[in-house]
């Protein structure tokens, strides 16, 4: 009788010499109701390069999910604190999150430029929807409100805040 047990386990590790970073660009087309401050995302495009795309469905899910997160950061999610720095936004009823109706349909296009820094040519995809998405959405709102002299330097930009910024811009013009 042999004491050895058959084992199909294998462990391997790889540490690259340098980190890789995805690239891309986001374009948001929005419509802003100047009476209510409500923002509608009419079109959202992403051109994304995460190097070699190993599983396109997973990468697209990462990017689209990141854009939904960016919608939350741009229009809904705000932590509020009291004067003692204690959080007042302690429940989801106070910390708003976007749902499927607030998240736009994302046109996602991939460009594959393999990274020379690892054997698979991959770069990463996890942050590719979230980080540029906030800037694209808030910039699109600011661009839509440019004829009214509105400048936006904050996020989230809620409907109430948009109405307030429009009123401030109107008072400055008078």
N, C-alpha and C. Protein backbone atom coordinates (compact mmCIF):
# COMPACT_ATOMS: atom_id res chain seq x y z
N UNK A 1 0.85 -1.17 0.00
CA UNK A 1 0.00 0.00 0.00
C UNK A 1 0.89 1.23 0.00
N UNK A 2 0.53 2.24 -0.83
CA UNK A 2 1.32 3.46 -0.97
C UNK A 2 0.68 4.58 -0.13
N UNK A 3 1.51 5.31 0.65
CA UNK A 3 1.00 6.41 1.51
C UNK A 3 0.71 7.69 0.72
N UNK A 4 1.22 7.78 -0.46
CA UNK A 4 1.04 9.01 -1.25
C UNK A 4 -0.39 9.09 -1.80
N UNK A 5 -0.89 10.32 -1.85
CA UNK A 5 -2.24 10.56 -2.35
C UNK A 5 -2.14 11.31 -3.68
N UNK A 6 -2.93 10.94 -4.62
CA UNK A 6 -2.97 11.66 -5.89
C UNK A 6 -3.49 13.07 -5.63
N UNK A 7 -2.88 14.06 -6.26
CA UNK A 7 -3.24 15.46 -6.02
C UNK A 7 -3.19 16.21 -7.34
N UNK A 8 -4.25 16.87 -7.69
CA UNK A 8 -4.29 17.67 -8.92
C UNK A 8 -4.12 19.15 -8.63
N UNK A 9 -3.55 19.48 -7.53
CA UNK A 9 -3.38 20.88 -7.13
C UNK A 9 -2.06 21.42 -7.64
N UNK A 10 -2.09 22.68 -8.07
CA UNK A 10 -0.87 23.37 -8.51
C UNK A 10 -0.99 24.84 -8.14
N UNK A 11 0.04 25.40 -7.63
CA UNK A 11 0.07 26.82 -7.28
C UNK A 11 1.21 27.48 -8.01
N UNK A 12 0.92 28.65 -8.56
CA UNK A 12 1.94 29.41 -9.27
C UNK A 12 1.70 30.88 -8.97
N UNK A 13 2.75 31.65 -8.97
CA UNK A 13 2.62 33.08 -8.72
C UNK A 13 3.41 33.85 -9.76
N UNK A 14 2.92 35.03 -10.08
CA UNK A 14 3.61 35.91 -11.02
C UNK A 14 3.53 37.32 -10.47
N UNK A 15 4.63 37.99 -10.39
CA UNK A 15 4.68 39.38 -9.95
C UNK A 15 5.34 40.19 -11.05
N UNK A 16 4.58 41.06 -11.71
CA UNK A 16 5.19 41.85 -12.79
C UNK A 16 6.15 42.89 -12.23
N UNK A 17 7.08 43.30 -13.07
CA UNK A 17 8.05 44.32 -12.66
C UNK A 17 7.39 45.69 -12.50
N UNK A 18 6.28 45.89 -13.19
CA UNK A 18 5.64 47.20 -13.22
C UNK A 18 4.14 47.01 -13.38
N UNK A 19 3.36 47.91 -12.82
CA UNK A 19 1.89 47.84 -12.95
C UNK A 19 1.46 48.25 -14.35
N UNK A 20 0.31 47.77 -14.75
CA UNK A 20 -0.28 48.18 -16.03
C UNK A 20 -1.57 48.94 -15.75
N UNK A 21 -1.94 49.79 -16.67
CA UNK A 21 -3.15 50.60 -16.50
C UNK A 21 -3.97 50.58 -17.78
N UNK A 22 -5.26 50.46 -17.60
CA UNK A 22 -6.17 50.52 -18.74
C UNK A 22 -6.31 51.97 -19.19
N UNK A 23 -6.75 52.15 -20.41
CA UNK A 23 -7.06 53.48 -20.89
C UNK A 23 -8.41 53.47 -21.56
N UNK A 24 -8.90 54.66 -21.81
CA UNK A 24 -10.17 54.75 -22.51
C UNK A 24 -10.72 56.15 -22.45
N UNK A 25 -11.88 56.28 -23.02
CA UNK A 25 -12.56 57.56 -22.97
C UNK A 25 -14.05 57.31 -22.83
N UNK A 26 -14.72 58.23 -22.17
CA UNK A 26 -16.16 58.15 -21.96
C UNK A 26 -16.81 59.40 -22.53
N UNK A 27 -17.96 59.21 -23.15
CA UNK A 27 -18.72 60.34 -23.69
C UNK A 27 -20.16 60.20 -23.21
N UNK A 28 -20.66 61.24 -22.58
CA UNK A 28 -22.03 61.24 -22.09
C UNK A 28 -22.81 62.36 -22.76
N UNK A 29 -23.99 62.03 -23.23
CA UNK A 29 -24.90 63.03 -23.76
C UNK A 29 -26.09 63.08 -22.81
N UNK A 30 -26.35 64.27 -22.27
CA UNK A 30 -27.42 64.40 -21.28
C UNK A 30 -28.39 65.50 -21.67
N UNK A 31 -29.55 65.44 -21.04
CA UNK A 31 -30.56 66.49 -21.17
C UNK A 31 -30.91 66.91 -19.75
N UNK A 32 -30.93 68.22 -19.52
CA UNK A 32 -31.22 68.73 -18.18
C UNK A 32 -32.50 69.56 -18.23
N UNK A 33 -33.46 69.22 -17.39
CA UNK A 33 -34.69 69.99 -17.26
C UNK A 33 -34.37 71.16 -16.34
N UNK A 34 -34.36 72.37 -16.89
CA UNK A 34 -33.95 73.53 -16.09
C UNK A 34 -34.99 73.93 -15.04
N UNK A 35 -36.20 73.43 -15.14
CA UNK A 35 -37.23 73.71 -14.13
C UNK A 35 -37.07 72.81 -12.91
N UNK A 36 -36.77 71.53 -13.15
CA UNK A 36 -36.71 70.56 -12.04
C UNK A 36 -35.29 70.14 -11.68
N UNK A 37 -34.34 70.39 -12.58
CA UNK A 37 -32.96 69.94 -12.35
C UNK A 37 -32.74 68.48 -12.67
N UNK A 38 -33.76 67.81 -13.16
CA UNK A 38 -33.65 66.38 -13.49
C UNK A 38 -32.73 66.18 -14.69
N UNK A 39 -31.82 65.23 -14.56
CA UNK A 39 -30.88 64.91 -15.63
C UNK A 39 -31.28 63.58 -16.25
N UNK A 40 -31.34 63.55 -17.57
CA UNK A 40 -31.58 62.30 -18.31
C UNK A 40 -30.33 62.01 -19.14
N UNK A 41 -29.80 60.82 -19.02
CA UNK A 41 -28.65 60.43 -19.83
C UNK A 41 -29.21 59.85 -21.12
N UNK A 42 -28.98 60.56 -22.23
CA UNK A 42 -29.54 60.17 -23.52
C UNK A 42 -28.68 59.13 -24.22
N UNK A 43 -27.36 59.27 -24.07
CA UNK A 43 -26.44 58.35 -24.74
C UNK A 43 -25.14 58.30 -23.94
N UNK A 44 -24.57 57.11 -23.86
CA UNK A 44 -23.32 56.94 -23.12
C UNK A 44 -22.43 55.98 -23.91
N UNK A 45 -21.26 56.46 -24.29
CA UNK A 45 -20.31 55.65 -25.05
C UNK A 45 -19.00 55.48 -24.29
N UNK A 46 -18.42 54.31 -24.42
CA UNK A 46 -17.12 54.03 -23.82
C UNK A 46 -16.24 53.39 -24.88
N UNK A 47 -15.04 53.92 -25.05
CA UNK A 47 -14.01 53.24 -25.83
C UNK A 47 -12.97 52.82 -24.79
N UNK A 48 -12.72 51.54 -24.71
CA UNK A 48 -11.96 50.98 -23.60
C UNK A 48 -10.82 50.12 -24.11
N UNK A 49 -9.66 50.26 -23.49
CA UNK A 49 -8.50 49.42 -23.83
C UNK A 49 -7.94 48.82 -22.55
N UNK A 50 -8.23 47.55 -22.33
CA UNK A 50 -7.68 46.86 -21.16
C UNK A 50 -6.63 45.82 -21.59
N UNK A 51 -6.02 46.09 -22.73
CA UNK A 51 -5.05 45.13 -23.25
C UNK A 51 -5.78 43.99 -23.91
N UNK A 52 -5.20 42.81 -23.82
CA UNK A 52 -5.84 41.63 -24.40
C UNK A 52 -7.14 41.34 -23.63
N UNK A 53 -8.24 41.25 -24.36
CA UNK A 53 -9.53 40.96 -23.73
C UNK A 53 -9.69 39.44 -23.71
N UNK A 54 -9.56 38.88 -22.52
CA UNK A 54 -9.64 37.42 -22.39
C UNK A 54 -11.09 36.95 -22.40
N UNK A 55 -11.96 37.65 -21.67
CA UNK A 55 -13.37 37.29 -21.63
C UNK A 55 -14.18 38.56 -21.86
N UNK A 56 -14.60 38.81 -23.11
CA UNK A 56 -15.30 40.06 -23.44
C UNK A 56 -16.54 40.32 -22.59
N UNK A 57 -17.30 39.27 -22.26
CA UNK A 57 -18.52 39.46 -21.48
C UNK A 57 -18.19 39.96 -20.07
N UNK A 58 -17.15 39.42 -19.46
CA UNK A 58 -16.76 39.86 -18.12
C UNK A 58 -16.25 41.30 -18.17
N UNK A 59 -15.44 41.63 -19.16
CA UNK A 59 -14.90 43.00 -19.27
C UNK A 59 -16.04 43.98 -19.49
N UNK A 60 -16.97 43.65 -20.36
CA UNK A 60 -18.11 44.55 -20.58
C UNK A 60 -18.91 44.72 -19.31
N UNK A 61 -19.11 43.65 -18.56
CA UNK A 61 -19.81 43.75 -17.28
C UNK A 61 -19.09 44.65 -16.30
N UNK A 62 -17.76 44.57 -16.28
CA UNK A 62 -16.97 45.45 -15.40
C UNK A 62 -17.17 46.91 -15.79
N UNK A 63 -17.10 47.20 -17.07
CA UNK A 63 -17.22 48.58 -17.54
C UNK A 63 -18.63 49.11 -17.31
N UNK A 64 -19.65 48.35 -17.71
CA UNK A 64 -21.04 48.79 -17.56
C UNK A 64 -21.40 48.94 -16.08
N UNK A 65 -20.97 48.00 -15.25
CA UNK A 65 -21.20 48.12 -13.81
C UNK A 65 -20.51 49.34 -13.24
N UNK A 66 -19.31 49.63 -13.73
CA UNK A 66 -18.59 50.83 -13.29
C UNK A 66 -19.31 52.10 -13.68
N UNK A 67 -19.91 52.11 -14.87
CA UNK A 67 -20.68 53.30 -15.30
C UNK A 67 -21.89 53.49 -14.40
N UNK A 68 -22.56 52.40 -14.03
CA UNK A 68 -23.70 52.51 -13.10
C UNK A 68 -23.23 53.09 -11.77
N UNK A 69 -22.06 52.67 -11.31
CA UNK A 69 -21.48 53.22 -10.08
C UNK A 69 -21.17 54.71 -10.26
N UNK A 70 -20.67 55.07 -11.43
CA UNK A 70 -20.37 56.48 -11.71
C UNK A 70 -21.64 57.33 -11.69
N UNK A 71 -22.74 56.78 -12.19
CA UNK A 71 -24.02 57.50 -12.14
C UNK A 71 -24.38 57.81 -10.69
N UNK A 72 -24.19 56.83 -9.82
CA UNK A 72 -24.44 57.05 -8.39
C UNK A 72 -23.56 58.13 -7.82
N UNK A 73 -22.27 58.07 -8.14
CA UNK A 73 -21.33 59.09 -7.64
C UNK A 73 -21.65 60.47 -8.20
N UNK A 74 -22.05 60.53 -9.45
CA UNK A 74 -22.29 61.82 -10.10
C UNK A 74 -23.60 62.47 -9.68
N UNK A 75 -24.66 61.66 -9.43
CA UNK A 75 -25.98 62.23 -9.23
C UNK A 75 -26.68 61.89 -7.91
N UNK A 76 -26.23 60.88 -7.19
CA UNK A 76 -27.01 60.42 -6.05
C UNK A 76 -26.26 60.35 -4.72
N UNK A 77 -25.14 59.66 -4.71
CA UNK A 77 -24.50 59.24 -3.46
C UNK A 77 -23.79 60.39 -2.74
N UNK A 78 -24.27 60.70 -1.57
CA UNK A 78 -23.67 61.78 -0.78
C UNK A 78 -23.69 61.39 0.69
N UNK A 79 -22.53 61.41 1.29
CA UNK A 79 -22.43 61.21 2.75
C UNK A 79 -22.59 62.57 3.41
N UNK A 80 -23.50 62.66 4.36
CA UNK A 80 -23.75 63.90 5.09
C UNK A 80 -23.32 63.68 6.54
N UNK A 81 -22.62 64.68 7.10
CA UNK A 81 -22.11 64.61 8.47
C UNK A 81 -22.62 65.79 9.28
N UNK A 82 -22.74 65.60 10.59
CA UNK A 82 -23.11 66.72 11.45
C UNK A 82 -21.85 67.50 11.83
N UNK A 83 -22.01 68.52 12.67
CA UNK A 83 -20.87 69.37 13.04
C UNK A 83 -19.85 68.66 13.93
N UNK A 84 -20.18 67.47 14.40
CA UNK A 84 -19.23 66.66 15.19
C UNK A 84 -18.62 65.55 14.34
N UNK A 85 -18.81 65.64 13.04
CA UNK A 85 -18.28 64.67 12.07
C UNK A 85 -18.90 63.28 12.20
N UNK A 86 -20.11 63.24 12.73
CA UNK A 86 -20.84 61.98 12.82
C UNK A 86 -21.71 61.82 11.57
N UNK A 87 -21.70 60.65 10.96
CA UNK A 87 -22.47 60.47 9.73
C UNK A 87 -23.97 60.56 9.97
N UNK A 88 -24.64 61.31 9.12
CA UNK A 88 -26.09 61.41 9.15
C UNK A 88 -26.72 60.51 8.08
N UNK A 89 -25.93 60.14 7.10
CA UNK A 89 -26.40 59.23 6.04
C UNK A 89 -26.05 57.81 6.48
N UNK A 90 -26.93 57.21 7.26
CA UNK A 90 -26.61 55.90 7.85
C UNK A 90 -27.47 54.77 7.29
N UNK A 91 -28.45 55.10 6.44
CA UNK A 91 -29.31 54.07 5.86
C UNK A 91 -29.43 54.33 4.36
N UNK A 92 -29.77 53.30 3.61
CA UNK A 92 -29.92 53.48 2.17
C UNK A 92 -31.06 54.43 1.83
N UNK A 93 -31.99 54.65 2.73
CA UNK A 93 -33.05 55.63 2.46
C UNK A 93 -32.50 57.05 2.49
N UNK A 94 -31.33 57.24 3.11
CA UNK A 94 -30.68 58.56 3.18
C UNK A 94 -29.49 58.66 2.24
N UNK A 95 -28.98 57.54 1.80
CA UNK A 95 -27.82 57.48 0.91
C UNK A 95 -28.33 56.85 -0.38
N UNK A 96 -28.68 57.69 -1.32
CA UNK A 96 -29.36 57.22 -2.52
C UNK A 96 -28.41 56.49 -3.46
N UNK A 97 -28.91 55.44 -4.08
CA UNK A 97 -28.17 54.66 -5.07
C UNK A 97 -28.98 54.59 -6.35
N UNK A 98 -28.32 54.56 -7.50
CA UNK A 98 -29.07 54.44 -8.74
C UNK A 98 -29.61 53.03 -8.92
N UNK A 99 -30.74 52.95 -9.56
CA UNK A 99 -31.31 51.66 -9.92
C UNK A 99 -31.14 51.46 -11.42
N UNK A 100 -31.75 50.43 -11.93
CA UNK A 100 -31.62 50.14 -13.36
C UNK A 100 -32.25 51.24 -14.22
N UNK A 101 -33.27 51.91 -13.72
CA UNK A 101 -33.91 52.96 -14.52
C UNK A 101 -33.05 54.23 -14.59
N UNK A 102 -32.15 54.42 -13.66
CA UNK A 102 -31.27 55.60 -13.69
C UNK A 102 -29.95 55.32 -14.41
N UNK A 103 -29.64 54.06 -14.63
CA UNK A 103 -28.38 53.70 -15.28
C UNK A 103 -28.59 53.64 -16.79
N UNK A 104 -27.72 54.31 -17.54
CA UNK A 104 -27.93 54.37 -19.00
C UNK A 104 -27.53 53.07 -19.69
N UNK A 105 -28.02 52.91 -20.88
CA UNK A 105 -27.51 51.86 -21.76
C UNK A 105 -26.12 52.32 -22.19
N UNK A 106 -25.15 51.46 -22.07
CA UNK A 106 -23.76 51.83 -22.36
C UNK A 106 -23.34 51.18 -23.67
N UNK A 107 -22.89 52.00 -24.61
CA UNK A 107 -22.29 51.49 -25.84
C UNK A 107 -20.80 51.31 -25.53
N UNK A 108 -20.38 50.06 -25.43
CA UNK A 108 -19.01 49.77 -25.02
C UNK A 108 -18.23 49.20 -26.20
N UNK A 109 -17.14 49.84 -26.53
CA UNK A 109 -16.26 49.39 -27.62
C UNK A 109 -14.89 49.10 -27.03
N UNK A 110 -14.26 48.06 -27.54
CA UNK A 110 -12.95 47.67 -27.01
C UNK A 110 -11.87 47.87 -28.07
N UNK A 111 -10.76 48.37 -27.62
CA UNK A 111 -9.56 48.46 -28.44
C UNK A 111 -8.53 47.61 -27.70
N UNK A 112 -7.91 46.68 -28.36
CA UNK A 112 -6.96 45.80 -27.69
C UNK A 112 -5.53 46.17 -28.05
N UNK A 113 -4.85 46.77 -27.10
CA UNK A 113 -3.44 47.05 -27.24
C UNK A 113 -2.74 46.26 -26.14
N UNK A 114 -2.22 45.06 -26.48
CA UNK A 114 -1.63 44.21 -25.44
C UNK A 114 -0.49 44.89 -24.69
N UNK A 115 -0.46 44.70 -23.41
CA UNK A 115 0.62 45.23 -22.57
C UNK A 115 1.87 44.39 -22.77
N UNK A 116 3.02 45.04 -22.90
CA UNK A 116 4.27 44.28 -22.99
C UNK A 116 4.81 43.87 -21.61
N UNK A 117 4.09 44.23 -20.55
CA UNK A 117 4.61 44.05 -19.19
C UNK A 117 4.21 42.74 -18.52
N UNK A 118 3.39 41.92 -19.21
CA UNK A 118 3.03 40.63 -18.64
C UNK A 118 2.77 39.64 -19.77
N UNK A 119 2.88 38.37 -19.48
CA UNK A 119 2.76 37.36 -20.54
C UNK A 119 1.39 37.31 -21.22
N UNK A 120 0.33 37.72 -20.56
CA UNK A 120 -1.00 37.68 -21.16
C UNK A 120 -1.36 38.95 -21.93
N UNK A 121 -0.60 40.01 -21.76
CA UNK A 121 -0.89 41.27 -22.44
C UNK A 121 -2.07 42.01 -21.87
N UNK A 122 -2.44 41.71 -20.62
CA UNK A 122 -3.61 42.33 -20.00
C UNK A 122 -3.23 43.59 -19.23
N UNK A 123 -4.22 44.46 -19.01
CA UNK A 123 -3.99 45.71 -18.28
C UNK A 123 -4.90 45.85 -17.08
N UNK A 124 -6.12 45.40 -17.15
CA UNK A 124 -7.08 45.56 -16.06
C UNK A 124 -8.31 46.27 -16.55
N UNK A 125 -9.43 46.07 -15.84
CA UNK A 125 -10.68 46.65 -16.30
C UNK A 125 -11.57 47.16 -15.16
N UNK A 126 -11.23 46.88 -13.92
CA UNK A 126 -12.12 47.16 -12.81
C UNK A 126 -12.53 48.59 -12.61
N UNK A 127 -11.65 49.54 -12.79
CA UNK A 127 -11.97 50.94 -12.53
C UNK A 127 -12.34 51.69 -13.80
N UNK A 128 -12.32 51.02 -14.91
CA UNK A 128 -12.47 51.70 -16.20
C UNK A 128 -13.84 52.31 -16.43
N UNK A 129 -14.85 51.87 -15.72
CA UNK A 129 -16.17 52.47 -15.87
C UNK A 129 -16.43 53.56 -14.87
N UNK A 130 -15.91 53.40 -13.66
CA UNK A 130 -16.25 54.31 -12.56
C UNK A 130 -15.49 55.62 -12.61
N UNK A 131 -14.19 55.56 -12.67
CA UNK A 131 -13.37 56.77 -12.49
C UNK A 131 -13.64 57.81 -13.58
N UNK A 132 -13.55 57.48 -14.87
CA UNK A 132 -13.83 58.51 -15.87
C UNK A 132 -15.32 58.83 -16.01
N UNK A 133 -16.18 57.90 -15.58
CA UNK A 133 -17.62 58.10 -15.73
C UNK A 133 -18.16 59.30 -14.97
N UNK A 134 -17.68 59.49 -13.75
CA UNK A 134 -18.14 60.63 -12.94
C UNK A 134 -17.82 61.94 -13.65
N UNK A 135 -16.59 62.06 -14.12
CA UNK A 135 -16.17 63.28 -14.81
C UNK A 135 -16.97 63.50 -16.09
N UNK A 136 -17.19 62.42 -16.85
CA UNK A 136 -17.94 62.55 -18.10
C UNK A 136 -19.37 63.02 -17.84
N UNK A 137 -20.01 62.46 -16.83
CA UNK A 137 -21.41 62.82 -16.54
C UNK A 137 -21.54 64.24 -16.00
N UNK A 138 -20.71 64.61 -15.02
CA UNK A 138 -20.79 65.96 -14.46
C UNK A 138 -20.40 67.00 -15.51
N UNK A 139 -19.39 66.69 -16.33
CA UNK A 139 -18.99 67.61 -17.40
C UNK A 139 -20.09 67.78 -18.44
N UNK A 140 -20.82 66.69 -18.73
CA UNK A 140 -21.93 66.79 -19.68
C UNK A 140 -23.03 67.69 -19.14
N UNK A 141 -23.32 67.59 -17.85
CA UNK A 141 -24.32 68.47 -17.24
C UNK A 141 -23.85 69.91 -17.30
N UNK A 142 -22.59 70.15 -16.95
CA UNK A 142 -22.06 71.51 -17.00
C UNK A 142 -22.12 72.06 -18.42
N UNK A 143 -21.80 71.22 -19.40
CA UNK A 143 -21.86 71.65 -20.79
C UNK A 143 -23.28 72.01 -21.20
N UNK A 144 -24.26 71.21 -20.75
CA UNK A 144 -25.66 71.49 -21.07
C UNK A 144 -26.13 72.81 -20.44
N UNK A 145 -25.56 73.14 -19.29
CA UNK A 145 -25.98 74.37 -18.58
C UNK A 145 -25.08 75.57 -18.89
N UNK A 146 -24.13 75.40 -19.77
CA UNK A 146 -23.19 76.48 -20.11
C UNK A 146 -23.90 77.74 -20.60
N UNK A 147 -24.97 77.64 -21.40
CA UNK A 147 -25.66 78.88 -21.84
C UNK A 147 -26.21 79.71 -20.67
N UNK A 148 -26.40 79.09 -19.52
CA UNK A 148 -26.93 79.79 -18.35
C UNK A 148 -25.82 80.29 -17.43
N UNK A 149 -24.56 80.02 -17.80
CA UNK A 149 -23.43 80.47 -16.98
C UNK A 149 -23.17 79.61 -15.75
N UNK A 150 -23.63 78.38 -15.76
CA UNK A 150 -23.44 77.49 -14.61
C UNK A 150 -22.10 76.78 -14.71
N UNK A 151 -21.37 76.81 -13.60
CA UNK A 151 -20.11 76.06 -13.46
C UNK A 151 -20.32 75.07 -12.32
N UNK A 152 -19.85 73.84 -12.52
CA UNK A 152 -20.02 72.80 -11.50
C UNK A 152 -18.66 72.36 -11.01
N UNK A 153 -18.49 72.38 -9.70
CA UNK A 153 -17.21 71.98 -9.09
C UNK A 153 -17.44 70.98 -7.97
N UNK A 154 -18.46 70.13 -8.12
CA UNK A 154 -18.79 69.20 -7.03
C UNK A 154 -19.54 68.00 -7.59
N UNK A 155 -19.57 66.99 -6.82
CA UNK A 155 -20.40 65.81 -7.11
C UNK A 155 -20.78 65.23 -5.76
N UNK A 156 -21.97 64.73 -5.60
CA UNK A 156 -22.95 64.58 -6.66
C UNK A 156 -23.65 65.90 -6.97
N UNK A 157 -24.18 65.95 -8.15
CA UNK A 157 -24.93 67.11 -8.59
C UNK A 157 -26.41 66.70 -8.68
N UNK A 158 -27.12 66.95 -7.60
CA UNK A 158 -28.52 66.53 -7.48
C UNK A 158 -29.44 67.51 -8.22
N UNK A 159 -30.66 67.11 -8.51
CA UNK A 159 -31.61 68.04 -9.14
C UNK A 159 -31.77 69.34 -8.33
N UNK A 160 -31.88 69.23 -7.01
CA UNK A 160 -32.02 70.43 -6.18
C UNK A 160 -30.81 71.35 -6.33
N UNK A 161 -29.63 70.76 -6.39
CA UNK A 161 -28.42 71.56 -6.53
C UNK A 161 -28.35 72.21 -7.90
N UNK A 162 -28.80 71.52 -8.93
CA UNK A 162 -28.82 72.10 -10.27
C UNK A 162 -29.74 73.32 -10.30
N UNK A 163 -30.93 73.21 -9.72
CA UNK A 163 -31.86 74.34 -9.67
C UNK A 163 -31.22 75.50 -8.90
N UNK A 164 -30.54 75.18 -7.81
CA UNK A 164 -29.86 76.21 -7.01
C UNK A 164 -28.76 76.89 -7.82
N UNK A 165 -27.97 76.13 -8.55
CA UNK A 165 -26.90 76.71 -9.37
C UNK A 165 -27.47 77.58 -10.49
N UNK A 166 -28.57 77.15 -11.08
CA UNK A 166 -29.22 77.97 -12.11
C UNK A 166 -29.71 79.29 -11.53
N UNK A 167 -30.30 79.25 -10.32
CA UNK A 167 -30.77 80.48 -9.67
C UNK A 167 -29.60 81.39 -9.34
N UNK A 168 -28.51 80.82 -8.83
CA UNK A 168 -27.31 81.63 -8.52
C UNK A 168 -26.76 82.29 -9.79
N UNK A 169 -26.71 81.56 -10.88
CA UNK A 169 -26.20 82.11 -12.13
C UNK A 169 -27.12 83.23 -12.64
N UNK A 170 -28.42 83.04 -12.48
CA UNK A 170 -29.39 84.07 -12.89
C UNK A 170 -29.19 85.35 -12.08
N UNK A 171 -29.00 85.20 -10.75
CA UNK A 171 -28.78 86.38 -9.90
C UNK A 171 -27.49 87.11 -10.29
N UNK A 172 -26.47 86.38 -10.65
CA UNK A 172 -25.19 87.01 -11.04
C UNK A 172 -25.32 87.77 -12.35
N UNK A 173 -26.21 87.31 -13.24
CA UNK A 173 -26.40 87.99 -14.52
C UNK A 173 -27.22 89.27 -14.37
N UNK A 174 -28.00 89.38 -13.31
CA UNK A 174 -28.88 90.55 -13.14
C UNK A 174 -28.13 91.73 -12.59
